[in-house]
PDB file of N, CA and C in Angstrom:
ATOM      1  N   LEU A   1      98.333  32.244  98.907  1.00  0.00           N
ATOM      2  CA  LEU A   1      98.258  33.576  99.475  1.00  0.00           C
ATOM      3  C   LEU A   1      98.295  34.642  98.377  1.00  0.00           C
ATOM      4  N   ARG A   2      99.065  34.386  97.343  1.00  0.00           N
ATOM      5  CA  ARG A   2      99.161  35.346  96.243  1.00  0.00           C
ATOM      6  C   ARG A   2      97.793  35.520  95.567  1.00  0.00           C
ATOM      7  N   ARG A   3      97.044  34.437  95.380  1.00  0.00           N
ATOM      8  CA  ARG A   3      95.721  34.529  94.772  1.00  0.00           C
ATOM      9  C   ARG A   3      94.776  35.390  95.604  1.00  0.00           C
ATOM     10  N   ARG A   4      94.850  35.209  96.902  1.00  0.00           N
ATOM     11  CA  ARG A   4      93.995  35.992  97.781  1.00  0.00           C
ATOM     12  C   ARG A   4      94.326  37.480  97.658  1.00  0.00           C
ATOM     13  N   GLY A   5      95.582  37.811  97.578  1.00  0.00           N
ATOM     14  CA  GLY A   5      96.008  39.212  97.410  1.00  0.00           C
ATOM     15  C   GLY A   5      95.571  39.771  96.073  1.00  0.00           C
ATOM     16  N   ASP A   6      95.668  38.947  95.030  1.00  0.00           N
ATOM     17  CA  ASP A   6      95.217  39.375  93.700  1.00  0.00           C
ATOM     18  C   ASP A   6      93.716  39.626  93.691  1.00  0.00           C
ATOM     19  N   ARG A   7      92.974  38.736  94.338  1.00  0.00           N
ATOM     20  CA  ARG A   7      91.526  38.892  94.412  1.00  0.00           C
ATOM     21  C   ARG A   7      91.149  40.163  95.171  1.00  0.00           C
ATOM     22  N   ALA A   8      91.840  40.403  96.277  1.00  0.00           N
ATOM     23  CA  ALA A   8      91.556  41.593  97.078  1.00  0.00           C
ATOM     24  C   ALA A   8      91.856  42.856  96.275  1.00  0.00           C
ATOM     25  N   ALA A   9      92.979  42.863  95.569  1.00  0.00           N
ATOM     26  CA  ALA A   9      93.341  44.026  94.758  1.00  0.00           C
ATOM     27  C   ALA A   9      92.316  44.235  93.645  1.00  0.00           C
ATOM     28  N   PHE A  10      91.891  43.145  93.002  1.00  0.00           N
ATOM     29  CA  PHE A  10      90.896  43.238  91.936  1.00  0.00           C
ATOM     30  C   PHE A  10      89.575  43.769  92.489  1.00  0.00           C
ATOM     31  N   LEU A  11      89.143  43.247  93.631  1.00  0.00           N
ATOM     32  CA  LEU A  11      87.902  43.688  94.250  1.00  0.00           C
ATOM     33  C   LEU A  11      87.965  45.173  94.600  1.00  0.00           C
ATOM     34  N   LEU A  12      89.077  45.628  95.152  1.00  0.00           N
ATOM     35  CA  LEU A  12      89.246  47.037  95.499  1.00  0.00           C
ATOM     36  C   LEU A  12      89.202  47.899  94.241  1.00  0.00           C
ATOM     37  N   LEU A  13      89.877  47.475  93.181  1.00  0.00           N
ATOM     38  CA  LEU A  13      89.867  48.211  91.920  1.00  0.00           C
ATOM     39  C   LEU A  13      88.450  48.264  91.341  1.00  0.00           C
ATOM     40  N   ALA A  14      87.736  47.159  91.389  1.00  0.00           N
ATOM     41  CA  ALA A  14      86.361  47.113  90.879  1.00  0.00           C
ATOM     42  C   ALA A  14      85.461  48.068  91.661  1.00  0.00           C
ATOM     43  N   LEU A  15      85.588  48.112  92.971  1.00  0.00           N
ATOM     44  CA  LEU A  15      84.778  49.016  93.787  1.00  0.00           C
ATOM     45  C   LEU A  15      85.093  50.476  93.478  1.00  0.00           C
ATOM     46  N   VAL A  16      86.354  50.792  93.283  1.00  0.00           N
ATOM     47  CA  VAL A  16      86.737  52.164  92.938  1.00  0.00           C
ATOM     48  C   VAL A  16      86.138  52.545  91.590  1.00  0.00           C
ATOM     49  N   CYS A  17      86.211  51.647  90.607  1.00  0.00           N
ATOM     50  CA  CYS A  17      85.648  51.926  89.285  1.00  0.00           C
ATOM     51  C   CYS A  17      84.137  52.112  89.350  1.00  0.00           C
ATOM     52  N   VAL A  18      83.455  51.264  90.077  1.00  0.00           N
ATOM     53  CA  VAL A  18      82.003  51.362  90.203  1.00  0.00           C
ATOM     54  C   VAL A  18      81.611  52.664  90.887  1.00  0.00           C
ATOM     55  N   SER A  19      82.289  53.019  91.955  1.00  0.00           N
ATOM     56  CA  SER A  19      81.924  54.251  92.661  1.00  0.00           C
ATOM     57  C   SER A  19      82.236  55.469  91.807  1.00  0.00           C
ATOM     58  N   THR A  20      83.308  55.431  91.011  1.00  0.00           N
ATOM     59  CA  THR A  20      83.630  56.542  90.121  1.00  0.00           C
ATOM     60  C   THR A  20      82.584  56.661  89.035  1.00  0.00           C
ATOM     61  N   GLN A  21      82.166  55.540  88.447  1.00  0.00           N
ATOM     62  CA  GLN A  21      81.144  55.572  87.411  1.00  0.00           C
ATOM     63  C   GLN A  21      79.816  56.054  87.975  1.00  0.00           C
ATOM     64  N   ALA A  22      79.467  55.625  89.149  1.00  0.00           N
ATOM     65  CA  ALA A  22      78.195  56.035  89.748  1.00  0.00           C
ATOM     66  C   ALA A  22      78.167  57.545  89.940  1.00  0.00           C
ATOM     67  N   ARG A  23      79.273  58.129  90.375  1.00  0.00           N
ATOM     68  CA  ARG A  23      79.336  59.570  90.558  1.00  0.00           C
ATOM     69  C   ARG A  23      79.307  60.295  89.221  1.00  0.00           C
ATOM     70  N   ALA A  24      79.969  59.773  88.224  1.00  0.00           N
ATOM     71  CA  ALA A  24      80.058  60.424  86.921  1.00  0.00           C
ATOM     72  C   ALA A  24      78.732  60.394  86.173  1.00  0.00           C
ATOM     73  N   GLN A  25      77.837  59.484  86.497  1.00  0.00           N
ATOM     74  CA  GLN A  25      76.597  59.349  85.762  1.00  0.00           C
ATOM     75  C   GLN A  25      75.398  59.961  86.464  1.00  0.00           C
ATOM     76  N   GLN A  26      75.629  60.773  87.459  1.00  0.00           N
ATOM     77  CA  GLN A  26      74.509  61.422  88.119  1.00  0.00           C
ATOM     78  C   GLN A  26      73.921  62.465  87.170  1.00  0.00           C
ATOM     79  N   VAL A  27      72.613  62.427  87.021  1.00  0.00           N
ATOM     80  CA  VAL A  27      71.923  63.327  86.115  1.00  0.00           C
ATOM     81  C   VAL A  27      70.915  64.139  86.908  1.00  0.00           C
ATOM     82  N   SER A  28      70.879  65.410  86.620  1.00  0.00           N
ATOM     83  CA  SER A  28      69.910  66.274  87.270  1.00  0.00           C
ATOM     84  C   SER A  28      68.720  66.451  86.327  1.00  0.00           C
ATOM     85  N   LEU A  29      67.553  66.075  86.781  1.00  0.00           N
ATOM     86  CA  LEU A  29      66.343  66.208  85.979  1.00  0.00           C
ATOM     87  C   LEU A  29      65.389  67.181  86.642  1.00  0.00           C
ATOM     88  N   ARG A  30      64.684  67.916  85.810  1.00  0.00           N
ATOM     89  CA  ARG A  30      63.652  68.811  86.316  1.00  0.00           C
ATOM     90  C   ARG A  30      62.393  68.534  85.518  1.00  0.00           C
ATOM     91  N   SER A  31      61.303  68.381  86.180  1.00  0.00           N
ATOM     92  CA  SER A  31      60.047  68.134  85.473  1.00  0.00           C
ATOM     93  C   SER A  31      59.224  69.415  85.427  1.00  0.00           C
ATOM     94  N   TYR A  32      58.448  69.538  84.372  1.00  0.00           N
ATOM     95  CA  TYR A  32      57.578  70.689  84.193  1.00  0.00           C
ATOM     96  C   TYR A  32      56.151  70.195  84.039  1.00  0.00           C
ATOM     97  N   SER A  33      55.225  70.982  84.502  1.00  0.00           N
ATOM     98  CA  SER A  33      53.816  70.604  84.448  1.00  0.00           C
ATOM     99  C   SER A  33      52.979  71.814  84.072  1.00  0.00           C
ATOM    100  N   VAL A  34      51.698  71.661  84.186  1.00  0.00           N
ATOM    101  CA  VAL A  34      50.768  72.744  83.896  1.00  0.00           C
ATOM    102  C   VAL A  34      51.043  73.935  84.814  1.00  0.00           C
ATOM    103  N   GLU A  35      51.460  73.668  86.037  1.00  0.00           N
ATOM    104  CA  GLU A  35      51.746  74.753  86.984  1.00  0.00           C
ATOM    105  C   GLU A  35      52.880  75.660  86.501  1.00  0.00           C
ATOM    106  N   GLU A  36      53.833  75.091  85.736  1.00  0.00           N
ATOM    107  CA  GLU A  36      54.948  75.882  85.214  1.00  0.00           C
ATOM    108  C   GLU A  36      54.663  76.484  83.838  1.00  0.00           C
ATOM    109  N   GLY A  37      53.473  76.205  83.283  1.00  0.00           N
ATOM    110  CA  GLY A  37      53.084  76.811  82.011  1.00  0.00           C
ATOM    111  C   GLY A  37      52.882  75.863  80.858  1.00  0.00           C
ATOM    112  N   LEU A  38      53.141  74.575  81.049  1.00  0.00           N
ATOM    113  CA  LEU A  38      52.865  73.596  79.996  1.00  0.00           C
ATOM    114  C   LEU A  38      51.354  73.593  79.763  1.00  0.00           C
ATOM    115  N   PRO A  39      50.890  73.704  78.506  1.00  0.00           N
ATOM    116  CA  PRO A  39      49.444  73.849  78.280  1.00  0.00           C
ATOM    117  C   PRO A  39      48.619  72.616  78.615  1.00  0.00           C
ATOM    118  N   GLN A  40      49.241  71.448  78.631  1.00  0.00           N
ATOM    119  CA  GLN A  40      48.534  70.211  78.944  1.00  0.00           C
ATOM    120  C   GLN A  40      49.580  69.223  79.441  1.00  0.00           C
ATOM    121  N   SER A  41      49.210  68.342  80.343  1.00  0.00           N
ATOM    122  CA  SER A  41      50.204  67.491  81.007  1.00  0.00           C
ATOM    123  C   SER A  41      50.654  66.275  80.199  1.00  0.00           C
ATOM    124  N   GLN A  42      49.909  65.884  79.173  1.00  0.00           N
ATOM    125  CA  GLN A  42      50.290  64.712  78.379  1.00  0.00           C
ATOM    126  C   GLN A  42      50.999  65.167  77.102  1.00  0.00           C
ATOM    127  N   VAL A  43      52.259  64.737  76.946  1.00  0.00           N
ATOM    128  CA  VAL A  43      53.066  65.136  75.799  1.00  0.00           C
ATOM    129  C   VAL A  43      53.181  63.956  74.833  1.00  0.00           C
ATOM    130  N   ASN A  44      52.793  64.183  73.573  1.00  0.00           N
ATOM    131  CA  ASN A  44      52.838  63.156  72.533  1.00  0.00           C
ATOM    132  C   ASN A  44      54.103  63.213  71.688  1.00  0.00           C
ATOM    133  N   ALA A  45      54.707  64.389  71.571  1.00  0.00           N
ATOM    134  CA  ALA A  45      55.858  64.563  70.690  1.00  0.00           C
ATOM    135  C   ALA A  45      56.769  65.634  71.262  1.00  0.00           C
ATOM    136  N   ALA A  46      58.075  65.487  70.995  1.00  0.00           N
ATOM    137  CA  ALA A  46      59.042  66.477  71.472  1.00  0.00           C
ATOM    138  C   ALA A  46      60.242  66.528  70.537  1.00  0.00           C
ATOM    139  N   ILE A  47      60.703  67.737  70.252  1.00  0.00           N
ATOM    140  CA  ILE A  47      61.944  67.930  69.496  1.00  0.00           C
ATOM    141  C   ILE A  47      62.663  69.148  70.068  1.00  0.00           C
ATOM    142  N   GLN A  48      63.956  69.224  69.820  1.00  0.00           N
ATOM    143  CA  GLN A  48      64.707  70.444  70.106  1.00  0.00           C
ATOM    144  C   GLN A  48      65.094  71.031  68.759  1.00  0.00           C
ATOM    145  N   SER A  49      64.723  72.286  68.532  1.00  0.00           N
ATOM    146  CA  SER A  49      64.999  72.926  67.250  1.00  0.00           C
ATOM    147  C   SER A  49      66.452  73.371  67.168  1.00  0.00           C
ATOM    148  N   SER A  50      66.876  73.712  65.964  1.00  0.00           N
ATOM    149  CA  SER A  50      68.249  74.162  65.758  1.00  0.00           C
ATOM    150  C   SER A  50      68.531  75.477  66.476  1.00  0.00           C
ATOM    151  N   THR A  51      67.482  76.214  66.834  1.00  0.00           N
ATOM    152  CA  THR A  51      67.654  77.462  67.586  1.00  0.00           C
ATOM    153  C   THR A  51      67.679  77.229  69.097  1.00  0.00           C
ATOM    154  N   GLY A  52      67.524  75.962  69.519  1.00  0.00           N
ATOM    155  CA  GLY A  52      67.629  75.624  70.930  1.00  0.00           C
ATOM    156  C   GLY A  52      66.320  75.495  71.678  1.00  0.00           C
ATOM    157  N   TYR A  53      65.221  75.841  71.046  1.00  0.00           N
ATOM    158  CA  TYR A  53      63.925  75.714  71.713  1.00  0.00           C
ATOM    159  C   TYR A  53      63.532  74.246  71.829  1.00  0.00           C
ATOM    160  N   LEU A  54      62.836  73.924  72.907  1.00  0.00           N
ATOM    161  CA  LEU A  54      62.226  72.614  73.068  1.00  0.00           C
ATOM    162  C   LEU A  54      60.766  72.767  72.675  1.00  0.00           C
ATOM    163  N   TRP A  55      60.337  71.966  71.702  1.00  0.00           N
ATOM    164  CA  TRP A  55      58.958  71.985  71.224  1.00  0.00           C
ATOM    165  C   TRP A  55      58.256  70.742  71.729  1.00  0.00           C
ATOM    166  N   LEU A  56      57.076  70.938  72.332  1.00  0.00           N
ATOM    167  CA  LEU A  56      56.318  69.833  72.912  1.00  0.00           C
ATOM    168  C   LEU A  56      54.906  69.818  72.336  1.00  0.00           C
ATOM    169  N   GLY A  57      54.540  68.712  71.718  1.00  0.00           N
ATOM    170  CA  GLY A  57      53.185  68.540  71.204  1.00  0.00           C
ATOM    171  C   GLY A  57      52.360  67.818  72.249  1.00  0.00           C
ATOM    172  N   THR A  58      51.242  68.400  72.619  1.00  0.00           N
ATOM    173  CA  THR A  58      50.447  67.845  73.713  1.00  0.00           C
ATOM    174  C   THR A  58      49.172  67.181  73.211  1.00  0.00           C
ATOM    175  N   ARG A  59      48.548  66.469  74.105  1.00  0.00           N
ATOM    176  CA  ARG A  59      47.309  65.741  73.806  1.00  0.00           C
ATOM    177  C   ARG A  59      46.100  66.593  74.185  1.00  0.00           C
ATOM    178  N   GLY A  60      45.914  67.689  73.463  1.00  0.00           N
ATOM    179  CA  GLY A  60      44.741  68.531  73.694  1.00  0.00           C
ATOM    180  C   GLY A  60      45.067  69.964  74.040  1.00  0.00           C
ATOM    181  N   GLY A  61      46.336  70.276  74.260  1.00  0.00           N
ATOM    182  CA  GLY A  61      46.721  71.647  74.601  1.00  0.00           C
ATOM    183  C   GLY A  61      47.498  72.339  73.502  1.00  0.00           C
ATOM    184  N   GLY A  62      47.581  71.722  72.323  1.00  0.00           N
ATOM    185  CA  GLY A  62      48.329  72.321  71.224  1.00  0.00           C
ATOM    186  C   GLY A  62      49.817  72.029  71.340  1.00  0.00           C
ATOM    187  N   VAL A  63      50.622  72.982  70.917  1.00  0.00           N
ATOM    188  CA  VAL A  63      52.076  72.830  70.945  1.00  0.00           C
ATOM    189  C   VAL A  63      52.664  73.934  71.819  1.00  0.00           C
ATOM    190  N   ALA A  64      53.715  73.593  72.545  1.00  0.00           N
ATOM    191  CA  ALA A  64      54.383  74.572  73.412  1.00  0.00           C
ATOM    192  C   ALA A  64      55.836  74.685  72.999  1.00  0.00           C
ATOM    193  N   ARG A  65      56.342  75.904  73.031  1.00  0.00           N
ATOM    194  CA  ARG A  65      57.755  76.171  72.763  1.00  0.00           C
ATOM    195  C   ARG A  65      58.379  76.634  74.076  1.00  0.00           C
ATOM    196  N   PHE A  66      59.442  75.955  74.482  1.00  0.00           N
ATOM    197  CA  PHE A  66      60.083  76.231  75.773  1.00  0.00           C
ATOM    198  C   PHE A  66      61.491  76.748  75.528  1.00  0.00           C
ATOM    199  N   ASP A  67      61.814  77.893  76.129  1.00  0.00           N
ATOM    200  CA  ASP A  67      63.128  78.505  75.942  1.00  0.00           C
ATOM    201  C   ASP A  67      64.094  78.233  77.097  1.00  0.00           C
ATOM    202  N   GLY A  68      63.693  77.363  78.009  1.00  0.00           N
ATOM    203  CA  GLY A  68      64.512  77.069  79.179  1.00  0.00           C
ATOM    204  C   GLY A  68      64.025  77.789  80.423  1.00  0.00           C
ATOM    205  N   HIS A  69      63.140  78.764  80.217  1.00  0.00           N
ATOM    206  CA  HIS A  69      62.598  79.530  81.341  1.00  0.00           C
ATOM    207  C   HIS A  69      61.074  79.544  81.356  1.00  0.00           C
ATOM    208  N   GLU A  70      60.473  79.743  80.167  1.00  0.00           N
ATOM    209  CA  GLU A  70      59.018  79.802  80.121  1.00  0.00           C
ATOM    210  C   GLU A  70      58.481  79.182  78.842  1.00  0.00           C
ATOM    211  N   PHE A  71      57.195  78.834  78.878  1.00  0.00           N
ATOM    212  CA  PHE A  71      56.513  78.220  77.756  1.00  0.00           C
ATOM    213  C   PHE A  71      55.725  79.265  76.978  1.00  0.00           C
ATOM    214  N   GLU A  72      55.711  79.123  75.662  1.00  0.00           N
ATOM    215  CA  GLU A  72      54.800  79.875  74.801  1.00  0.00           C
ATOM    216  C   GLU A  72      53.946  78.833  74.105  1.00  0.00           C
ATOM    217  N   SER A  73      52.640  78.962  74.191  1.00  0.00           N
ATOM    218  CA  SER A  73      51.728  77.942  73.669  1.00  0.00           C
ATOM    219  C   SER A  73      51.010  78.414  72.417  1.00  0.00           C
ATOM    220  N   PHE A  74      50.729  77.457  71.529  1.00  0.00           N
ATOM    221  CA  PHE A  74      50.003  77.714  70.294  1.00  0.00           C
ATOM    222  C   PHE A  74      48.890  76.674  70.191  1.00  0.00           C
ATOM    223  N   SER A  75      47.700  77.133  69.803  1.00  0.00           N
ATOM    224  CA  SER A  75      46.546  76.239  69.740  1.00  0.00           C
ATOM    225  C   SER A  75      45.756  76.491  68.456  1.00  0.00           C
ATOM    226  N   GLU A  76      44.544  75.994  68.419  1.00  0.00           N
ATOM    227  CA  GLU A  76      43.687  76.195  67.255  1.00  0.00           C
ATOM    228  C   GLU A  76      43.438  77.677  66.984  1.00  0.00           C
ATOM    229  N   LYS A  77      43.375  78.478  68.024  1.00  0.00           N
ATOM    230  CA  LYS A  77      43.148  79.915  67.811  1.00  0.00           C
ATOM    231  C   LYS A  77      44.334  80.580  67.116  1.00  0.00           C
ATOM    232  N   ASP A  78      45.493  79.920  67.155  1.00  0.00           N
ATOM    233  CA  ASP A  78      46.693  80.438  66.491  1.00  0.00           C
ATOM    234  C   ASP A  78      46.895  79.851  65.098  1.00  0.00           C
ATOM    235  N   GLY A  79      46.011  78.920  64.695  1.00  0.00           N
ATOM    236  CA  GLY A  79      46.096  78.357  63.352  1.00  0.00           C
ATOM    237  C   GLY A  79      46.341  76.862  63.281  1.00  0.00           C
ATOM    238  N   LEU A  80      46.484  76.175  64.411  1.00  0.00           N
ATOM    239  CA  LEU A  80      46.649  74.718  64.369  1.00  0.00           C
ATOM    240  C   LEU A  80      45.347  74.073  63.889  1.00  0.00           C
ATOM    241  N   PRO A  81      45.429  73.012  63.092  1.00  0.00           N
ATOM    242  CA  PRO A  81      44.212  72.312  62.668  1.00  0.00           C
ATOM    243  C   PRO A  81      43.489  71.641  63.832  1.00  0.00           C
ATOM    244  N   ASP A  82      44.217  71.283  64.884  1.00  0.00           N
ATOM    245  CA  ASP A  82      43.645  70.574  66.033  1.00  0.00           C
ATOM    246  C   ASP A  82      44.578  70.782  67.225  1.00  0.00           C
ATOM    247  N   SER A  83      44.047  70.663  68.432  1.00  0.00           N
ATOM    248  CA  SER A  83      44.865  70.833  69.634  1.00  0.00           C
ATOM    249  C   SER A  83      45.596  69.570  70.064  1.00  0.00           C
ATOM    250  N   GLU A  84      45.299  68.437  69.430  1.00  0.00           N
ATOM    251  CA  GLU A  84      46.040  67.212  69.729  1.00  0.00           C
ATOM    252  C   GLU A  84      47.192  67.095  68.737  1.00  0.00           C
ATOM    253  N   VAL A  85      48.401  67.307  69.233  1.00  0.00           N
ATOM    254  CA  VAL A  85      49.595  67.292  68.396  1.00  0.00           C
ATOM    255  C   VAL A  85      50.308  65.961  68.584  1.00  0.00           C
ATOM    256  N   ASN A  86      50.506  65.246  67.468  1.00  0.00           N
ATOM    257  CA  ASN A  86      51.097  63.909  67.515  1.00  0.00           C
ATOM    258  C   ASN A  86      52.523  63.834  66.985  1.00  0.00           C
ATOM    259  N   ALA A  87      52.933  64.808  66.175  1.00  0.00           N
ATOM    260  CA  ALA A  87      54.249  64.724  65.537  1.00  0.00           C
ATOM    261  C   ALA A  87      54.836  66.114  65.341  1.00  0.00           C
ATOM    262  N   LEU A  88      56.145  66.200  65.476  1.00  0.00           N
ATOM    263  CA  LEU A  88      56.881  67.451  65.257  1.00  0.00           C
ATOM    264  C   LEU A  88      58.170  67.128  64.511  1.00  0.00           C
ATOM    265  N   VAL A  89      58.527  67.993  63.568  1.00  0.00           N
ATOM    266  CA  VAL A  89      59.801  67.840  62.864  1.00  0.00           C
ATOM    267  C   VAL A  89      60.236  69.229  62.382  1.00  0.00           C
ATOM    268  N   GLU A  90      61.544  69.434  62.318  1.00  0.00           N
ATOM    269  CA  GLU A  90      62.089  70.689  61.802  1.00  0.00           C
ATOM    270  C   GLU A  90      62.662  70.442  60.405  1.00  0.00           C
ATOM    271  N   ASP A  91      62.368  71.350  59.476  1.00  0.00           N
ATOM    272  CA  ASP A  91      62.930  71.198  58.134  1.00  0.00           C
ATOM    273  C   ASP A  91      64.279  71.921  58.042  1.00  0.00           C
ATOM    274  N   PRO A  92      65.009  71.748  56.950  1.00  0.00           N
ATOM    275  CA  PRO A  92      66.333  72.373  56.835  1.00  0.00           C
ATOM    276  C   PRO A  92      66.328  73.899  56.903  1.00  0.00           C
ATOM    277  N   ASP A  93      65.177  74.520  56.616  1.00  0.00           N
ATOM    278  CA  ASP A  93      65.072  75.980  56.693  1.00  0.00           C
ATOM    279  C   ASP A  93      64.713  76.479  58.087  1.00  0.00           C
ATOM    280  N   GLY A  94      64.525  75.564  59.040  1.00  0.00           N
ATOM    281  CA  GLY A  94      64.211  75.952  60.413  1.00  0.00           C
ATOM    282  C   GLY A  94      62.737  76.041  60.729  1.00  0.00           C
ATOM    283  N   ALA A  95      61.867  75.728  59.766  1.00  0.00           N
ATOM    284  CA  ALA A  95      60.428  75.726  60.036  1.00  0.00           C
ATOM    285  C   ALA A  95      60.077  74.469  60.822  1.00  0.00           C
ATOM    286  N   ILE A  96      59.120  74.604  61.736  1.00  0.00           N
ATOM    287  CA  ILE A  96      58.633  73.475  62.523  1.00  0.00           C
ATOM    288  C   ILE A  96      57.321  72.999  61.905  1.00  0.00           C
ATOM    289  N   TRP A  97      57.292  71.720  61.528  1.00  0.00           N
ATOM    290  CA  TRP A  97      56.086  71.100  60.977  1.00  0.00           C
ATOM    291  C   TRP A  97      55.379  70.373  62.111  1.00  0.00           C
ATOM    292  N   ILE A  98      54.057  70.588  62.190  1.00  0.00           N
ATOM    293  CA  ILE A  98      53.255  70.110  63.319  1.00  0.00           C
ATOM    294  C   ILE A  98      52.149  69.201  62.789  1.00  0.00           C
ATOM    295  N   GLY A  99      52.221  67.913  63.153  1.00  0.00           N
ATOM    296  CA  GLY A  99      51.194  66.956  62.752  1.00  0.00           C
ATOM    297  C   GLY A  99      50.166  66.823  63.858  1.00  0.00           C
ATOM    298  N   THR A 100      48.894  67.030  63.507  1.00  0.00           N
ATOM    299  CA  THR A 100      47.812  66.976  64.493  1.00  0.00           C
ATOM    300  C   THR A 100      46.809  65.886  64.128  1.00  0.00           C
ATOM    301  N   ARG A 101      45.827  65.736  64.979  1.00  0.00           N
ATOM    302  CA  ARG A 101      44.763  64.760  64.758  1.00  0.00           C
ATOM    303  C   ARG A 101      43.915  65.104  63.539  1.00  0.00           C
ATOM    304  N   SER A 102      43.991  66.380  63.092  1.00  0.00           N
ATOM    305  CA  SER A 102      43.144  66.809  61.968  1.00  0.00           C
ATOM    306  C   SER A 102      43.911  67.489  60.845  1.00  0.00           C
ATOM    307  N   GLY A 103      45.210  67.229  60.732  1.00  0.00           N
ATOM    308  CA  GLY A 103      45.965  67.830  59.635  1.00  0.00           C
ATOM    309  C   GLY A 103      47.359  68.278  60.054  1.00  0.00           C
ATOM    310  N   VAL A 104      47.964  69.092  59.196  1.00  0.00           N
ATOM    311  CA  VAL A 104      49.357  69.525  59.378  1.00  0.00           C
ATOM    312  C   VAL A 104      49.425  71.042  59.331  1.00  0.00           C
ATOM    313  N   ALA A 105      50.327  71.602  60.115  1.00  0.00           N
ATOM    314  CA  ALA A 105      50.594  73.041  60.083  1.00  0.00           C
ATOM    315  C   ALA A 105      52.106  73.243  60.090  1.00  0.00           C
ATOM    316  N   ARG A 106      52.512  74.445  59.722  1.00  0.00           N
ATOM    317  CA  ARG A 106      53.924  74.805  59.669  1.00  0.00           C
ATOM    318  C   ARG A 106      54.130  76.096  60.443  1.00  0.00           C
ATOM    319  N   TYR A 107      55.076  76.084  61.387  1.00  0.00           N
ATOM    320  CA  TYR A 107      55.419  77.281  62.155  1.00  0.00           C
ATOM    321  C   TYR A 107      56.677  77.889  61.552  1.00  0.00           C
ATOM    322  N   ARG A 108      56.597  79.158  61.201  1.00  0.00           N
ATOM    323  CA  ARG A 108      57.748  79.854  60.631  1.00  0.00           C
ATOM    324  C   ARG A 108      57.709  81.308  61.070  1.00  0.00           C
ATOM    325  N   GLN A 109      58.773  81.768  61.713  1.00  0.00           N
ATOM    326  CA  GLN A 109      58.924  83.161  62.132  1.00  0.00           C
ATOM    327  C   GLN A 109      57.716  83.696  62.895  1.00  0.00           C
ATOM    328  N   GLY A 110      57.240  82.911  63.842  1.00  0.00           N
ATOM    329  CA  GLY A 110      56.172  83.361  64.731  1.00  0.00           C
ATOM    330  C   GLY A 110      54.755  83.165  64.240  1.00  0.00           C
ATOM    331  N   ILE A 111      54.592  82.575  63.055  1.00  0.00           N
ATOM    332  CA  ILE A 111      53.251  82.396  62.487  1.00  0.00           C
ATOM    333  C   ILE A 111      53.026  80.925  62.168  1.00  0.00           C
ATOM    334  N   ILE A 112      51.815  80.451  62.459  1.00  0.00           N
ATOM    335  CA  ILE A 112      51.426  79.084  62.111  1.00  0.00           C
ATOM    336  C   ILE A 112      50.590  79.125  60.840  1.00  0.00           C
ATOM    337  N   TYR A 113      51.036  78.333  59.859  1.00  0.00           N
ATOM    338  CA  TYR A 113      50.352  78.249  58.575  1.00  0.00           C
ATOM    339  C   TYR A 113      49.767  76.847  58.418  1.00  0.00           C
ATOM    340  N   PRO A 114      48.436  76.712  58.363  1.00  0.00           N
ATOM    341  CA  PRO A 114      47.857  75.391  58.089  1.00  0.00           C
ATOM    342  C   PRO A 114      48.237  74.938  56.679  1.00  0.00           C
ATOM    343  N   VAL A 115      48.543  73.672  56.523  1.00  0.00           N
ATOM    344  CA  VAL A 115      48.864  73.113  55.219  1.00  0.00           C
ATOM    345  C   VAL A 115      47.552  72.744  54.543  1.00  0.00           C
ATOM    346  N   VAL A 116      47.327  73.310  53.366  1.00  0.00           N
ATOM    347  CA  VAL A 116      46.073  73.064  52.642  1.00  0.00           C
ATOM    348  C   VAL A 116      46.296  71.997  51.576  1.00  0.00           C
ATOM    349  N   GLY A 117      45.204  71.423  51.099  1.00  0.00           N
ATOM    350  CA  GLY A 117      45.270  70.418  50.044  1.00  0.00           C
ATOM    351  C   GLY A 117      45.367  68.992  50.559  1.00  0.00           C
ATOM    352  N   LEU A 118      45.319  68.805  51.860  1.00  0.00           N
ATOM    353  CA  LEU A 118      45.340  67.460  52.437  1.00  0.00           C
ATOM    354  C   LEU A 118      43.905  67.003  52.673  1.00  0.00           C
ATOM    355  N   PRO A 119      43.668  65.702  52.743  1.00  0.00           N
ATOM    356  CA  PRO A 119      42.303  65.222  53.034  1.00  0.00           C
ATOM    357  C   PRO A 119      41.802  65.775  54.372  1.00  0.00           C
ATOM    358  N   ASP A 120      40.534  66.135  54.415  1.00  0.00           N
ATOM    359  CA  ASP A 120      39.933  66.632  55.651  1.00  0.00           C
ATOM    360  C   ASP A 120      40.037  65.589  56.757  1.00  0.00           C
ATOM    361  N   GLY A 121      40.357  66.036  57.956  1.00  0.00           N
ATOM    362  CA  GLY A 121      40.416  65.145  59.111  1.00  0.00           C
ATOM    363  C   GLY A 121      41.598  64.194  59.100  1.00  0.00           C
ATOM    364  N   LEU A 122      42.621  64.481  58.321  1.00  0.00           N
ATOM    365  CA  LEU A 122      43.799  63.612  58.244  1.00  0.00           C
ATOM    366  C   LEU A 122      44.482  63.544  59.613  1.00  0.00           C
ATOM    367  N   ASP A 123      44.517  62.354  60.210  1.00  0.00           N
ATOM    368  CA  ASP A 123      45.128  62.141  61.531  1.00  0.00           C
ATOM    369  C   ASP A 123      46.609  61.826  61.327  1.00  0.00           C
ATOM    370  N   VAL A 124      47.471  62.804  61.566  1.00  0.00           N
ATOM    371  CA  VAL A 124      48.898  62.667  61.308  1.00  0.00           C
ATOM    372  C   VAL A 124      49.598  62.190  62.573  1.00  0.00           C
ATOM    373  N   ARG A 125      50.214  61.018  62.487  1.00  0.00           N
ATOM    374  CA  ARG A 125      50.915  60.414  63.628  1.00  0.00           C
ATOM    375  C   ARG A 125      52.423  60.526  63.530  1.00  0.00           C
ATOM    376  N   ALA A 126      52.949  60.793  62.340  1.00  0.00           N
ATOM    377  CA  ALA A 126      54.402  60.896  62.151  1.00  0.00           C
ATOM    378  C   ALA A 126      54.689  61.825  60.986  1.00  0.00           C
ATOM    379  N   LEU A 127      55.802  62.531  61.086  1.00  0.00           N
ATOM    380  CA  LEU A 127      56.274  63.400  60.003  1.00  0.00           C
ATOM    381  C   LEU A 127      57.745  63.104  59.765  1.00  0.00           C
ATOM    382  N   GLU A 128      58.166  63.206  58.524  1.00  0.00           N
ATOM    383  CA  GLU A 128      59.575  63.015  58.193  1.00  0.00           C
ATOM    384  C   GLU A 128      59.953  63.979  57.089  1.00  0.00           C
ATOM    385  N   ILE A 129      61.078  64.619  57.253  1.00  0.00           N
ATOM    386  CA  ILE A 129      61.574  65.563  56.233  1.00  0.00           C
ATOM    387  C   ILE A 129      62.720  64.909  55.509  1.00  0.00           C
TER     388      ILE A 129
END
C-alpha cells in the first residue's frame, strides 16, 4: 500500500511540474508580411543590431530595418549592389554590413556605401567581423 501511495504522490507531483512548465513556456509570436511593410516575403538573413533594430535581408526586396512598429526598406536605388541580401553582420562601430548576390555594402548613419575593390558579381553568402 505504501508503494501505491508513493506512486500516486509522484504522479501528482509530475503532473503539477508539467503543467507549471507548460504555462511558463508559452510564447507569443507575431508574424509580419508584405502587408505590414516587409519588402519581400522570403527572408535570407536576420540580425538585431546593438541599437535594437531588427534587420532582415530578403530574397529580392533588399534589406529592411524594423523598429518594432514599422519597416524601412533599402534597395538598389539606395546603394545596395543587389536586391537579394544573403548575409548581415554588425561591426563593433555599429555599422551594418550587407552581403548580396552581387557584392557587399555598409550601412552607417542612414547611408548605404557600396564596398569597392571586390570582384564584380561576387555572390556573398556569409559575413564575419
